[in-house]
Amino acid sequence: MTYINEVDEVERLKAETKLITRKRRKTSKLDKYRSQLCKLYFLGASKAELQRWLIRRGVTVNWTTVKRWLDKNA
């Protein structure tokens, strides 16, 4: 194989990957509490405190889930 063919092959593989990958359709458990979580976080609540707040409301999540959700949504 020549260098040009290898580059073409990589481009073809990347285009194929884009077609194969799907977007996540499932909503997060935390989306239901979006406004409250954002308000509490901006008022100074830590991620662990938000996790405990969610547990009191019957939502069992790890603090890393709260962190990732806040990184995307807050």
Protein backbone atom coordinates (compact mmCIF):
# COMPACT_ATOMS: atom_id res chain seq x y z
CA MET A 1 0.00 0.00 0.00
CA THR A 2 1.18 3.47 -0.71
CA TYR A 3 0.96 6.35 1.73
CA ILE A 4 -1.91 7.97 -0.18
CA ASN A 5 -3.96 4.77 -0.09
CA GLU A 6 -3.41 4.48 3.66
CA VAL A 7 -4.60 8.05 4.21
CA ASP A 8 -7.68 7.34 2.08
CA GLU A 9 -8.34 4.19 4.06
CA VAL A 10 -8.15 6.06 7.38
CA GLU A 11 -10.55 8.71 6.06
CA ARG A 12 -12.94 5.99 4.90
CA LEU A 13 -12.80 4.30 8.32
CA LYS A 14 -13.48 7.59 10.14
CA ALA A 15 -16.48 8.32 7.89
CA GLU A 16 -17.78 4.81 8.55
CA THR A 17 -17.38 5.32 12.31
CA LYS A 18 -19.49 8.50 12.13
CA LEU A 19 -22.28 6.53 10.48
CA ILE A 20 -22.10 3.71 13.02
CA THR A 21 -22.04 5.80 16.20
CA ARG A 22 -25.38 6.79 17.59
CA LYS A 23 -26.36 9.66 19.79
CA ARG A 24 -27.56 8.87 23.28
CA ARG A 25 -31.36 8.99 23.35
CA LYS A 26 -32.00 8.14 26.97
CA THR A 27 -32.43 11.11 29.29
CA SER A 28 -30.59 11.31 32.58
CA LYS A 29 -32.28 10.75 35.93
CA LEU A 30 -30.92 14.14 36.90
CA ASP A 31 -32.67 16.03 34.09
CA LYS A 32 -35.86 15.99 36.17
CA TYR A 33 -34.06 18.06 38.85
CA ARG A 34 -32.19 20.35 36.46
CA SER A 35 -33.32 23.73 37.82
CA GLN A 36 -32.89 22.77 41.48
CA LEU A 37 -29.46 21.20 40.91
CA CYS A 38 -28.18 24.23 39.00
CA LYS A 39 -29.47 26.67 41.63
CA LEU A 40 -27.99 24.69 44.52
CA TYR A 41 -24.66 24.29 42.70
CA PHE A 42 -24.38 28.00 41.91
CA LEU A 43 -25.26 28.82 45.52
CA GLY A 44 -22.18 26.84 46.59
CA ALA A 45 -23.33 23.26 47.20
CA SER A 46 -20.63 20.67 46.50
CA LYS A 47 -21.17 17.69 44.25
CA ALA A 48 -21.26 15.35 47.26
CA GLU A 49 -23.89 17.57 48.90
CA LEU A 50 -25.96 17.47 45.73
CA GLN A 51 -25.65 13.68 45.73
CA ARG A 52 -27.03 13.56 49.28
CA TRP A 53 -29.82 15.95 48.28
CA LEU A 54 -30.77 13.60 45.43
CA ILE A 55 -30.65 10.55 47.72
CA ARG A 56 -33.19 12.25 50.02
CA ARG A 57 -35.47 12.49 46.99
CA GLY A 58 -35.05 8.81 46.13
CA VAL A 59 -32.53 9.22 43.31
CA THR A 60 -29.54 6.94 43.83
CA VAL A 61 -26.51 8.19 41.90
CA ASN A 62 -22.78 8.29 42.44
CA TRP A 63 -21.14 11.68 42.99
CA THR A 64 -19.18 11.21 39.76
CA THR A 65 -22.49 11.03 37.89
CA VAL A 66 -23.44 14.36 39.46
CA LYS A 67 -20.03 15.77 38.47
CA ARG A 68 -20.34 14.64 34.85
CA TRP A 69 -23.93 15.91 34.64
CA LEU A 70 -22.92 19.31 36.03
CA ASP A 71 -19.97 19.53 33.64
CA LYS A 72 -22.38 19.09 30.72
CA ASN A 73 -25.41 21.01 31.97
CA ALA A 74 -24.45 23.67 34.51
